[in-house]
N, C-alpha and C. Protein backbone atom coordinates (compact mmCIF):
# COMPACT_ATOMS: atom_id res chain seq x y z
N UNK A 1 28.50 -21.04 0.82
CA UNK A 1 27.69 -20.20 -0.05
C UNK A 1 26.52 -19.89 0.79
N UNK A 2 26.33 -18.40 1.05
CA UNK A 2 25.04 -18.00 1.60
C UNK A 2 24.36 -16.98 0.57
N UNK A 3 23.75 -17.58 -0.30
CA UNK A 3 23.16 -16.36 -1.09
C UNK A 3 22.13 -15.89 -0.49
N UNK A 4 21.71 -14.37 -1.09
CA UNK A 4 20.80 -13.72 -0.54
C UNK A 4 19.47 -13.98 -0.93
N UNK A 5 19.28 -14.66 -2.29
CA UNK A 5 17.88 -14.73 -3.03
C UNK A 5 18.06 -16.11 -3.52
N UNK A 6 17.35 -17.16 -3.17
CA UNK A 6 17.23 -18.45 -3.71
C UNK A 6 15.67 -18.68 -4.58
N UNK A 7 15.95 -19.19 -5.58
CA UNK A 7 14.59 -19.53 -6.49
C UNK A 7 14.32 -21.03 -6.50
N UNK A 8 13.45 -21.29 -6.22
CA UNK A 8 13.37 -22.89 -5.92
C UNK A 8 12.09 -23.24 -6.22
N UNK A 9 11.87 -24.62 -7.01
CA UNK A 9 10.87 -25.04 -7.71
C UNK A 9 10.52 -26.04 -6.57
N UNK A 10 9.16 -26.09 -6.34
CA UNK A 10 8.50 -26.79 -5.19
C UNK A 10 8.23 -28.10 -5.51
N UNK A 11 8.59 -28.68 -6.84
CA UNK A 11 8.45 -30.07 -7.11
C UNK A 11 9.84 -30.57 -7.11
N UNK A 12 10.69 -29.72 -6.53
CA UNK A 12 12.46 -30.21 -6.51
C UNK A 12 12.61 -31.69 -5.64
N UNK A 13 12.99 -32.57 -6.07
CA UNK A 13 13.50 -33.62 -5.06
C UNK A 13 15.14 -33.54 -5.23
N UNK A 14 15.60 -33.12 -3.97
CA UNK A 14 16.86 -33.00 -3.82
C UNK A 14 17.79 -34.19 -3.43
N UNK A 15 17.08 -35.23 -3.46
CA UNK A 15 17.80 -36.59 -3.38
C UNK A 15 17.59 -37.25 -1.82
N UNK A 16 17.67 -38.32 -1.63
CA UNK A 16 17.55 -39.26 -0.38
C UNK A 16 15.90 -38.70 -0.05
N UNK A 17 15.75 -38.25 1.24
CA UNK A 17 14.90 -37.85 1.79
C UNK A 17 14.39 -36.74 1.73
N UNK A 18 15.19 -36.04 1.26
CA UNK A 18 15.04 -34.24 1.30
C UNK A 18 14.63 -33.66 0.02
N UNK A 19 13.17 -33.06 0.28
CA UNK A 19 12.39 -32.64 -0.50
C UNK A 19 12.34 -31.09 -0.62
N UNK A 20 11.85 -30.42 -1.47
CA UNK A 20 11.61 -28.89 -1.37
C UNK A 20 11.60 -28.53 -0.22
N UNK A 21 10.47 -28.83 0.42
CA UNK A 21 10.22 -28.14 1.76
C UNK A 21 11.31 -28.38 2.88
N UNK A 22 11.68 -29.46 2.64
CA UNK A 22 12.94 -29.75 3.78
C UNK A 22 14.23 -28.92 3.43
N UNK A 23 14.31 -28.57 2.16
CA UNK A 23 15.43 -27.81 1.56
C UNK A 23 15.17 -26.27 2.04
N UNK A 24 13.84 -25.99 2.26
CA UNK A 24 13.47 -24.55 2.56
C UNK A 24 13.82 -24.61 4.13
N UNK A 25 13.50 -25.49 4.90
CA UNK A 25 13.97 -25.51 6.26
C UNK A 25 15.46 -25.57 6.58
N UNK A 26 15.96 -26.10 5.76
CA UNK A 26 17.38 -26.10 6.01
C UNK A 26 18.10 -24.89 5.70
N UNK A 27 17.48 -24.27 4.52
CA UNK A 27 17.97 -22.88 4.01
C UNK A 27 17.71 -21.85 5.28
N UNK A 28 16.36 -21.91 5.86
CA UNK A 28 16.25 -21.20 6.99
C UNK A 28 17.01 -21.00 8.27
N UNK A 29 17.36 -22.52 8.51
CA UNK A 29 18.10 -22.86 9.85
C UNK A 29 19.32 -22.31 9.37
N UNK A 30 20.13 -22.52 8.33
CA UNK A 30 21.59 -22.52 8.18
C UNK A 30 21.79 -20.97 7.74
N UNK A 31 20.72 -20.40 6.85
CA UNK A 31 21.04 -18.78 6.49
C UNK A 31 19.55 -17.90 6.39
N UNK A 32 19.20 -17.44 7.66
CA UNK A 32 17.91 -17.12 7.97
C UNK A 32 17.86 -15.62 7.08
N UNK A 33 18.73 -15.02 6.72
CA UNK A 33 18.82 -13.70 6.00
C UNK A 33 18.29 -13.92 4.37
N UNK A 34 18.57 -15.06 3.91
CA UNK A 34 18.38 -15.62 2.43
C UNK A 34 16.69 -15.49 2.34
N UNK A 35 16.40 -14.82 1.19
CA UNK A 35 15.25 -14.93 0.79
C UNK A 35 14.83 -16.18 -0.52
N UNK A 36 14.07 -16.69 0.09
CA UNK A 36 13.52 -17.97 -0.83
C UNK A 36 12.35 -17.46 -1.71
N UNK A 37 12.45 -17.61 -2.89
CA UNK A 37 11.20 -17.57 -4.00
C UNK A 37 10.66 -18.91 -4.53
N UNK A 38 9.49 -19.19 -4.36
CA UNK A 38 8.96 -20.56 -4.82
C UNK A 38 8.73 -20.22 -6.23
N UNK A 39 8.39 -21.36 -6.97
CA UNK A 39 7.94 -21.61 -8.43
C UNK A 39 7.17 -22.66 -8.15
N UNK A 40 5.58 -22.31 -8.51
CA UNK A 40 4.90 -23.80 -8.39
C UNK A 40 3.95 -23.48 -9.70
N UNK A 41 3.44 -24.78 -9.89
CA UNK A 41 2.33 -24.62 -10.95
C UNK A 41 0.82 -23.99 -10.61
N UNK A 42 0.54 -23.55 -11.74
CA UNK A 42 -0.75 -22.78 -11.65
C UNK A 42 -2.10 -23.63 -11.30
N UNK A 43 -1.88 -25.06 -11.42
CA UNK A 43 -3.28 -25.71 -11.15
C UNK A 43 -2.73 -26.21 -9.65
N UNK A 44 -1.72 -25.92 -8.75
CA UNK A 44 -1.56 -26.32 -7.43
C UNK A 44 -1.13 -25.29 -6.75
N UNK A 45 -1.55 -24.23 -6.63
CA UNK A 45 -1.09 -22.95 -5.93
C UNK A 45 -1.05 -23.09 -4.36
N UNK A 46 -2.06 -24.15 -3.74
CA UNK A 46 -2.04 -24.40 -2.32
C UNK A 46 -0.92 -25.04 -1.95
N UNK A 47 -0.10 -25.70 -2.75
CA UNK A 47 1.02 -26.57 -2.54
C UNK A 47 2.08 -25.52 -1.75
N UNK A 48 1.91 -24.16 -2.11
CA UNK A 48 2.89 -23.13 -1.73
C UNK A 48 2.78 -22.96 -0.03
N UNK A 49 1.56 -23.09 0.32
CA UNK A 49 1.20 -22.62 1.66
C UNK A 49 2.24 -23.04 2.78
N UNK A 50 2.43 -24.46 2.99
CA UNK A 50 3.45 -24.98 3.85
C UNK A 50 5.17 -24.04 3.87
N UNK A 51 5.34 -23.88 2.36
CA UNK A 51 6.52 -23.32 1.95
C UNK A 51 6.66 -21.63 2.83
N UNK A 52 5.44 -21.25 2.47
CA UNK A 52 5.17 -19.81 3.05
C UNK A 52 4.89 -19.71 4.63
N UNK A 53 4.94 -20.55 5.18
CA UNK A 53 4.34 -20.95 6.81
C UNK A 53 5.68 -21.15 7.22
N UNK A 54 6.64 -21.33 6.33
CA UNK A 54 8.47 -21.86 6.56
C UNK A 54 9.11 -20.51 6.36
N UNK A 55 8.52 -19.59 5.85
CA UNK A 55 9.19 -18.40 5.77
C UNK A 55 9.75 -18.09 4.24
N UNK A 56 9.36 -18.61 3.22
CA UNK A 56 9.42 -18.21 1.84
C UNK A 56 8.83 -16.86 1.76
N UNK A 57 9.58 -16.22 0.96
CA UNK A 57 9.27 -14.61 0.51
C UNK A 57 8.06 -14.64 -0.32
N UNK A 58 8.08 -15.18 -1.20
CA UNK A 58 7.01 -15.45 -2.15
C UNK A 58 6.56 -16.34 -3.18
N UNK A 59 5.77 -16.61 -3.83
CA UNK A 59 5.54 -17.64 -4.77
C UNK A 59 5.12 -17.30 -6.00
N UNK A 60 6.13 -17.32 -6.95
CA UNK A 60 5.62 -17.17 -8.71
C UNK A 60 4.93 -18.57 -9.10
N UNK A 61 3.91 -18.23 -9.83
CA UNK A 61 3.18 -19.09 -10.21
C UNK A 61 3.06 -19.41 -11.77
N UNK A 62 3.34 -20.85 -12.29
CA UNK A 62 3.61 -20.70 -13.77
C UNK A 62 2.58 -20.86 -14.20
N UNK A 63 2.35 -20.43 -15.79
CA UNK A 63 3.33 -19.88 -16.43
C UNK A 63 3.52 -18.56 -16.01
N UNK A 64 4.87 -18.02 -15.83
CA UNK A 64 5.38 -17.04 -15.31
C UNK A 64 4.53 -15.62 -15.79
N UNK A 65 4.22 -14.74 -15.14
CA UNK A 65 3.56 -13.65 -15.67
C UNK A 65 4.23 -12.27 -15.29
N UNK A 66 4.19 -11.19 -15.75
CA UNK A 66 4.75 -9.84 -15.35
C UNK A 66 4.47 -9.44 -14.20
N UNK A 67 3.11 -9.87 -13.63
CA UNK A 67 2.67 -9.23 -12.35
C UNK A 67 3.20 -9.94 -11.26
N UNK A 68 3.39 -11.18 -11.43
CA UNK A 68 4.30 -12.15 -10.58
C UNK A 68 5.71 -11.49 -10.36
N UNK A 69 6.32 -11.15 -11.44
CA UNK A 69 7.76 -10.68 -11.37
C UNK A 69 7.80 -9.32 -10.75
N UNK A 70 6.57 -8.50 -10.75
CA UNK A 70 6.59 -7.13 -10.38
C UNK A 70 6.40 -7.14 -8.65
N UNK A 71 5.47 -8.28 -8.45
CA UNK A 71 5.16 -8.64 -6.87
C UNK A 71 6.78 -8.75 -6.07
N UNK A 72 7.34 -9.99 -6.77
CA UNK A 72 8.30 -10.47 -6.20
C UNK A 72 9.77 -9.47 -6.10
N UNK A 73 9.78 -8.78 -7.31
CA UNK A 73 10.90 -7.53 -7.24
C UNK A 73 10.44 -6.53 -6.20
N UNK A 74 9.17 -6.08 -6.00
CA UNK A 74 9.05 -4.97 -4.84
C UNK A 74 9.19 -5.76 -3.77
N UNK A 75 9.15 -6.85 -3.44
CA UNK A 75 9.24 -7.63 -2.15
C UNK A 75 10.95 -7.60 -1.81
N UNK A 76 11.62 -7.94 -2.87
CA UNK A 76 13.03 -7.79 -2.91
C UNK A 76 13.53 -6.89 -2.49
N UNK A 77 13.12 -5.51 -3.37
CA UNK A 77 13.45 -4.36 -2.90
C UNK A 77 13.30 -3.94 -1.47
N UNK A 78 12.16 -4.40 -1.20
CA UNK A 78 11.76 -3.98 0.41
C UNK A 78 12.92 -4.63 1.32
N UNK A 79 12.91 -5.78 1.11
CA UNK A 79 13.80 -6.74 1.83
C UNK A 79 15.52 -6.33 1.82
N UNK A 80 15.93 -6.05 0.19
CA UNK A 80 17.18 -5.92 0.14
C UNK A 80 17.11 -4.54 -0.82
N UNK A 81 17.29 -3.53 -0.08
CA UNK A 81 17.32 -2.00 -0.57
C UNK A 81 18.37 -1.63 -1.49
N UNK A 82 19.67 -2.51 -1.49
CA UNK A 82 20.62 -2.09 -2.09
C UNK A 82 20.69 -2.61 -3.47
N UNK A 83 19.57 -3.56 -3.69
CA UNK A 83 19.35 -4.08 -4.92
C UNK A 83 18.73 -3.20 -5.92
N UNK A 84 18.21 -2.11 -5.42
CA UNK A 84 17.49 -0.95 -6.15
C UNK A 84 18.96 -0.30 -6.98
N UNK A 85 18.47 -0.40 -8.28
CA UNK A 85 19.19 0.30 -9.27
C UNK A 85 19.60 1.65 -9.07
N UNK A 86 20.64 2.14 -9.48
CA UNK A 86 20.90 3.76 -9.12
C UNK A 86 20.12 4.53 -9.85
N UNK A 87 19.52 5.79 -9.16
CA UNK A 87 18.44 6.76 -10.06
C UNK A 87 19.37 7.17 -11.58
N UNK A 88 18.91 7.31 -12.38
CA UNK A 88 19.50 7.86 -13.84
C UNK A 88 19.40 9.40 -13.56
N UNK A 89 20.40 9.95 -14.12
CA UNK A 89 20.04 11.51 -14.18
C UNK A 89 19.13 11.84 -14.57
N UNK A 90 18.27 12.88 -14.33
CA UNK A 90 17.14 13.46 -14.91
C UNK A 90 17.59 14.36 -16.21
N UNK A 91 17.09 14.12 -17.14
CA UNK A 91 16.94 15.07 -18.31
C UNK A 91 16.83 16.28 -18.18
N UNK A 92 17.68 17.38 -18.55
CA UNK A 92 17.44 18.63 -18.14
C UNK A 92 16.43 19.27 -19.44
N UNK A 93 15.61 20.30 -18.59
CA UNK A 93 14.51 20.53 -19.51
C UNK A 93 15.07 20.87 -21.12
N UNK A 94 14.30 20.67 -21.97
CA UNK A 94 14.35 21.17 -23.02
C UNK A 94 14.66 22.68 -23.27
N UNK A 95 15.69 23.57 -24.18
CA UNK A 95 15.82 24.64 -24.07
C UNK A 95 14.81 25.09 -25.20
N UNK A 96 14.11 26.42 -24.90
CA UNK A 96 13.21 26.89 -25.89
C UNK A 96 13.92 27.41 -26.87
N UNK A 97 13.66 27.15 -28.02
CA UNK A 97 14.07 28.03 -29.15
C UNK A 97 13.93 29.59 -28.99
N UNK A 98 14.91 30.38 -29.30
CA UNK A 98 14.64 31.52 -29.42
C UNK A 98 14.03 32.18 -30.66
N UNK A 99 13.09 32.95 -30.22
CA UNK A 99 12.49 33.52 -31.57
C UNK A 99 12.92 34.90 -31.86
N UNK A 100 12.57 35.33 -32.98
CA UNK A 100 12.95 36.50 -33.17
C UNK A 100 11.76 37.68 -32.60
N UNK A 101 12.49 38.45 -31.81
CA UNK A 101 11.62 39.20 -31.01
C UNK A 101 11.79 40.55 -31.73
N UNK A 102 10.72 41.28 -31.72
CA UNK A 102 10.74 42.76 -32.62
C UNK A 102 10.11 43.66 -31.94
């Protein structure tokens, strides 16, 4: 499996000696085109720095907020333009009611 987008909690313990940072390194080595988005606690945003150095795309800080999602969505659309939803057809201009002209 080679997903395009991976969301990863930085507190993840994958088992054995593999932690979240090791998993990010493994993902980058095996699937360099994948985008990794981190989730980290608000009281420890500095923990995301080594992950960003390893190529993570962005970090969402808990509790999750709209601004964080918008920032990540913008980066994902820049990297994967095919994710952009198709444009909706524009509404036709409303017709003006015809008045009685005398």
